[in-house]
Amino acid sequence: MTKWEYATVPLLVHATKQILDTWGEDGWELVQVVPGPTGSEQLVAYLKREKQ
């Protein structure tokens, strides 16, 4: 059975691609992006990768 680890990452609107590219290089896969607790100004990304 595959085991996963998860991360939640705040996304800055002006640097979203750079942030996601950095996490992707470390093997993280984007699962979902949702509005943060302060509204649409801030987004939160949920990521997963296979646990080693």
PDB file of N, CA and C in Angstrom:
ATOM      1  N   MET A   1       0.840  -1.178   0.000  1.00  0.00           N
ATOM      2  CA  MET A   1       0.000   0.000   0.000  1.00  0.00           C
ATOM      3  C   MET A   1       0.890   1.248   0.000  1.00  0.00           C
ATOM      4  N   THR A   2       0.554   2.186  -0.850  1.00  0.00           N
ATOM      5  CA  THR A   2       1.311   3.435  -0.930  1.00  0.00           C
ATOM      6  C   THR A   2       0.998   4.308   0.270  1.00  0.00           C
ATOM      7  N   LYS A   3       2.039   4.859   0.871  1.00  0.00           N
ATOM      8  CA  LYS A   3       1.870   5.802   1.978  1.00  0.00           C
ATOM      9  C   LYS A   3       2.259   7.183   1.470  1.00  0.00           C
ATOM     10  N   TRP A   4       1.498   8.195   1.892  1.00  0.00           N
ATOM     11  CA  TRP A   4       1.688   9.559   1.428  1.00  0.00           C
ATOM     12  C   TRP A   4       2.026  10.474   2.598  1.00  0.00           C
ATOM     13  N   GLU A   5       2.743  11.535   2.287  1.00  0.00           N
ATOM     14  CA  GLU A   5       2.901  12.635   3.236  1.00  0.00           C
ATOM     15  C   GLU A   5       2.328  13.872   2.566  1.00  0.00           C
ATOM     16  N   TYR A   6       1.851  14.799   3.378  1.00  0.00           N
ATOM     17  CA  TYR A   6       1.132  15.965   2.871  1.00  0.00           C
ATOM     18  C   TYR A   6       1.744  17.256   3.405  1.00  0.00           C
ATOM     19  N   ALA A   7       1.547  18.320   2.640  1.00  0.00           N
ATOM     20  CA  ALA A   7       2.009  19.637   3.072  1.00  0.00           C
ATOM     21  C   ALA A   7       0.969  20.677   2.670  1.00  0.00           C
ATOM     22  N   THR A   8       0.824  21.699   3.486  1.00  0.00           N
ATOM     23  CA  THR A   8       0.007  22.854   3.125  1.00  0.00           C
ATOM     24  C   THR A   8       0.951  24.036   3.006  1.00  0.00           C
ATOM     25  N   VAL A   9       0.792  24.776   1.919  1.00  0.00           N
ATOM     26  CA  VAL A   9       1.734  25.849   1.602  1.00  0.00           C
ATOM     27  C   VAL A   9       0.960  27.118   1.266  1.00  0.00           C
ATOM     28  N   PRO A  10       1.239  28.228   1.958  1.00  0.00           N
ATOM     29  CA  PRO A  10       0.614  29.486   1.557  1.00  0.00           C
ATOM     30  C   PRO A  10       1.218  29.960   0.238  1.00  0.00           C
ATOM     31  N   LEU A  11       0.360  30.417  -0.668  1.00  0.00           N
ATOM     32  CA  LEU A  11       0.823  30.897  -1.970  1.00  0.00           C
ATOM     33  C   LEU A  11       0.714  32.407  -2.033  1.00  0.00           C
ATOM     34  N   LEU A  12       1.763  33.039  -2.462  1.00  0.00           N
ATOM     35  CA  LEU A  12       1.741  34.474  -2.697  1.00  0.00           C
ATOM     36  C   LEU A  12       1.339  34.683  -4.153  1.00  0.00           C
ATOM     37  N   VAL A  13       0.328  35.505  -4.384  1.00  0.00           N
ATOM     38  CA  VAL A  13      -0.236  35.666  -5.726  1.00  0.00           C
ATOM     39  C   VAL A  13       0.829  36.051  -6.753  1.00  0.00           C
ATOM     40  N   HIS A  14       1.783  36.869  -6.374  1.00  0.00           N
ATOM     41  CA  HIS A  14       2.793  37.327  -7.327  1.00  0.00           C
ATOM     42  C   HIS A  14       3.920  36.314  -7.541  1.00  0.00           C
ATOM     43  N   ALA A  15       3.940  35.198  -6.777  1.00  0.00           N
ATOM     44  CA  ALA A  15       5.026  34.220  -6.901  1.00  0.00           C
ATOM     45  C   ALA A  15       4.509  32.782  -6.924  1.00  0.00           C
ATOM     46  N   THR A  16       3.255  32.599  -7.340  1.00  0.00           N
ATOM     47  CA  THR A  16       2.648  31.268  -7.290  1.00  0.00           C
ATOM     48  C   THR A  16       3.441  30.246  -8.085  1.00  0.00           C
ATOM     49  N   LYS A  17       3.784  30.553  -9.327  1.00  0.00           N
ATOM     50  CA  LYS A  17       4.503  29.597 -10.169  1.00  0.00           C
ATOM     51  C   LYS A  17       5.849  29.227  -9.562  1.00  0.00           C
ATOM     52  N   GLN A  18       6.575  30.190  -9.099  1.00  0.00           N
ATOM     53  CA  GLN A  18       7.892  29.937  -8.502  1.00  0.00           C
ATOM     54  C   GLN A  18       7.771  29.032  -7.266  1.00  0.00           C
ATOM     55  N   ILE A  19       6.791  29.294  -6.435  1.00  0.00           N
ATOM     56  CA  ILE A  19       6.595  28.481  -5.226  1.00  0.00           C
ATOM     57  C   ILE A  19       6.254  27.042  -5.610  1.00  0.00           C
ATOM     58  N   LEU A  20       5.300  26.863  -6.537  1.00  0.00           N
ATOM     59  CA  LEU A  20       4.896  25.519  -6.934  1.00  0.00           C
ATOM     60  C   LEU A  20       6.023  24.784  -7.661  1.00  0.00           C
ATOM     61  N   ASP A  21       6.784  25.486  -8.493  1.00  0.00           N
ATOM     62  CA  ASP A  21       7.934  24.865  -9.173  1.00  0.00           C
ATOM     63  C   ASP A  21       8.953  24.359  -8.159  1.00  0.00           C
ATOM     64  N   THR A  22       9.212  25.146  -7.119  1.00  0.00           N
ATOM     65  CA  THR A  22      10.182  24.756  -6.095  1.00  0.00           C
ATOM     66  C   THR A  22       9.733  23.486  -5.382  1.00  0.00           C
ATOM     67  N   TRP A  23       8.472  23.432  -4.974  1.00  0.00           N
ATOM     68  CA  TRP A  23       7.955  22.238  -4.296  1.00  0.00           C
ATOM     69  C   TRP A  23       7.923  21.048  -5.254  1.00  0.00           C
ATOM     70  N   GLY A  24       7.571  21.294  -6.526  1.00  0.00           N
ATOM     71  CA  GLY A  24       7.534  20.226  -7.520  1.00  0.00           C
ATOM     72  C   GLY A  24       8.891  19.598  -7.743  1.00  0.00           C
ATOM     73  N   GLU A  25       9.948  20.396  -7.709  1.00  0.00           N
ATOM     74  CA  GLU A  25      11.312  19.875  -7.861  1.00  0.00           C
ATOM     75  C   GLU A  25      11.676  18.932  -6.720  1.00  0.00           C
ATOM     76  N   ASP A  26      11.031  19.105  -5.581  1.00  0.00           N
ATOM     77  CA  ASP A  26      11.275  18.226  -4.425  1.00  0.00           C
ATOM     78  C   ASP A  26      10.339  17.016  -4.413  1.00  0.00           C
ATOM     79  N   GLY A  27       9.583  16.822  -5.503  1.00  0.00           N
ATOM     80  CA  GLY A  27       8.746  15.645  -5.619  1.00  0.00           C
ATOM     81  C   GLY A  27       7.315  15.800  -5.141  1.00  0.00           C
ATOM     82  N   TRP A  28       6.910  17.017  -4.800  1.00  0.00           N
ATOM     83  CA  TRP A  28       5.551  17.246  -4.314  1.00  0.00           C
ATOM     84  C   TRP A  28       4.604  17.429  -5.489  1.00  0.00           C
ATOM     85  N   GLU A  29       3.406  16.853  -5.381  1.00  0.00           N
ATOM     86  CA  GLU A  29       2.363  16.970  -6.396  1.00  0.00           C
ATOM     87  C   GLU A  29       1.239  17.833  -5.848  1.00  0.00           C
ATOM     88  N   LEU A  30       0.804  18.801  -6.652  1.00  0.00           N
ATOM     89  CA  LEU A  30      -0.290  19.683  -6.251  1.00  0.00           C
ATOM     90  C   LEU A  30      -1.607  18.910  -6.275  1.00  0.00           C
ATOM     91  N   VAL A  31      -2.342  18.973  -5.161  1.00  0.00           N
ATOM     92  CA  VAL A  31      -3.633  18.298  -5.062  1.00  0.00           C
ATOM     93  C   VAL A  31      -4.767  19.297  -5.238  1.00  0.00           C
ATOM     94  N   GLN A  32      -4.663  20.442  -4.556  1.00  0.00           N
ATOM     95  CA  GLN A  32      -5.745  21.416  -4.594  1.00  0.00           C
ATOM     96  C   GLN A  32      -5.239  22.774  -4.127  1.00  0.00           C
ATOM     97  N   VAL A  33      -5.879  23.829  -4.626  1.00  0.00           N
ATOM     98  CA  VAL A  33      -5.627  25.190  -4.152  1.00  0.00           C
ATOM     99  C   VAL A  33      -6.961  25.745  -3.674  1.00  0.00           C
ATOM    100  N   VAL A  34      -6.971  26.289  -2.458  1.00  0.00           N
ATOM    101  CA  VAL A  34      -8.194  26.850  -1.873  1.00  0.00           C
ATOM    102  C   VAL A  34      -7.899  28.243  -1.325  1.00  0.00           C
ATOM    103  N   PRO A  35      -8.927  29.058  -1.169  1.00  0.00           N
ATOM    104  CA  PRO A  35      -8.719  30.377  -0.544  1.00  0.00           C
ATOM    105  C   PRO A  35      -8.227  30.214   0.887  1.00  0.00           C
ATOM    106  N   GLY A  36      -7.351  31.101   1.298  1.00  0.00           N
ATOM    107  CA  GLY A  36      -6.832  31.070   2.657  1.00  0.00           C
ATOM    108  C   GLY A  36      -7.823  31.644   3.644  1.00  0.00           C
ATOM    109  N   PRO A  37      -7.458  31.648   4.916  1.00  0.00           N
ATOM    110  CA  PRO A  37      -8.375  32.120   5.955  1.00  0.00           C
ATOM    111  C   PRO A  37      -8.713  33.605   5.849  1.00  0.00           C
ATOM    112  N   THR A  38      -7.881  34.359   5.150  1.00  0.00           N
ATOM    113  CA  THR A  38      -8.148  35.793   5.025  1.00  0.00           C
ATOM    114  C   THR A  38      -8.905  36.127   3.747  1.00  0.00           C
ATOM    115  N   GLY A  39      -9.331  35.130   2.987  1.00  0.00           N
ATOM    116  CA  GLY A  39     -10.099  35.371   1.767  1.00  0.00           C
ATOM    117  C   GLY A  39      -9.284  35.122   0.514  1.00  0.00           C
ATOM    118  N   SER A  40      -9.745  35.665  -0.596  1.00  0.00           N
ATOM    119  CA  SER A  40      -9.137  35.370  -1.890  1.00  0.00           C
ATOM    120  C   SER A  40      -7.779  36.042  -2.104  1.00  0.00           C
ATOM    121  N   GLU A  41      -7.404  36.955  -1.235  1.00  0.00           N
ATOM    122  CA  GLU A  41      -6.086  37.583  -1.341  1.00  0.00           C
ATOM    123  C   GLU A  41      -4.971  36.569  -1.156  1.00  0.00           C
ATOM    124  N   GLN A  42      -5.214  35.588  -0.326  1.00  0.00           N
ATOM    125  CA  GLN A  42      -4.210  34.566  -0.052  1.00  0.00           C
ATOM    126  C   GLN A  42      -4.772  33.209  -0.429  1.00  0.00           C
ATOM    127  N   LEU A  43      -3.927  32.378  -1.052  1.00  0.00           N
ATOM    128  CA  LEU A  43      -4.314  31.025  -1.423  1.00  0.00           C
ATOM    129  C   LEU A  43      -3.472  30.034  -0.632  1.00  0.00           C
ATOM    130  N   VAL A  44      -4.020  28.843  -0.433  1.00  0.00           N
ATOM    131  CA  VAL A  44      -3.295  27.776   0.240  1.00  0.00           C
ATOM    132  C   VAL A  44      -3.273  26.570  -0.695  1.00  0.00           C
ATOM    133  N   ALA A  45      -2.078  26.022  -0.919  1.00  0.00           N
ATOM    134  CA  ALA A  45      -1.920  24.838  -1.756  1.00  0.00           C
ATOM    135  C   ALA A  45      -1.775  23.610  -0.879  1.00  0.00           C
ATOM    136  N   TYR A  46      -2.454  22.537  -1.263  1.00  0.00           N
ATOM    137  CA  TYR A  46      -2.306  21.249  -0.617  1.00  0.00           C
ATOM    138  C   TYR A  46      -1.512  20.352  -1.550  1.00  0.00           C
ATOM    139  N   LEU A  47      -0.419  19.788  -1.030  1.00  0.00           N
ATOM    140  CA  LEU A  47       0.463  18.960  -1.838  1.00  0.00           C
ATOM    141  C   LEU A  47       0.655  17.594  -1.199  1.00  0.00           C
ATOM    142  N   LYS A  48       1.039  16.633  -2.030  1.00  0.00           N
ATOM    143  CA  LYS A  48       1.342  15.293  -1.502  1.00  0.00           C
ATOM    144  C   LYS A  48       2.524  14.708  -2.255  1.00  0.00           C
ATOM    145  N   ARG A  49       3.203  13.762  -1.609  1.00  0.00           N
ATOM    146  CA  ARG A  49       4.240  12.974  -2.266  1.00  0.00           C
ATOM    147  C   ARG A  49       4.329  11.636  -1.561  1.00  0.00           C
ATOM    148  N   GLU A  50       4.835  10.662  -2.290  1.00  0.00           N
ATOM    149  CA  GLU A  50       4.961   9.339  -1.717  1.00  0.00           C
ATOM    150  C   GLU A  50       5.990   9.366  -0.592  1.00  0.00           C
ATOM    151  N   LYS A  51       5.617   8.741   0.519  1.00  0.00           N
ATOM    152  CA  LYS A  51       6.500   8.708   1.690  1.00  0.00           C
ATOM    153  C   LYS A  51       7.639   7.735   1.423  1.00  0.00           C
ATOM    154  N   GLN A  52       8.837   8.148   1.748  1.00  0.00           N
ATOM    155  CA  GLN A  52      10.036   7.320   1.507  1.00  0.00           C
ATOM    156  C   GLN A  52      10.239   6.318   2.598  1.00  0.00           C
TER     157      GLN A  52
END
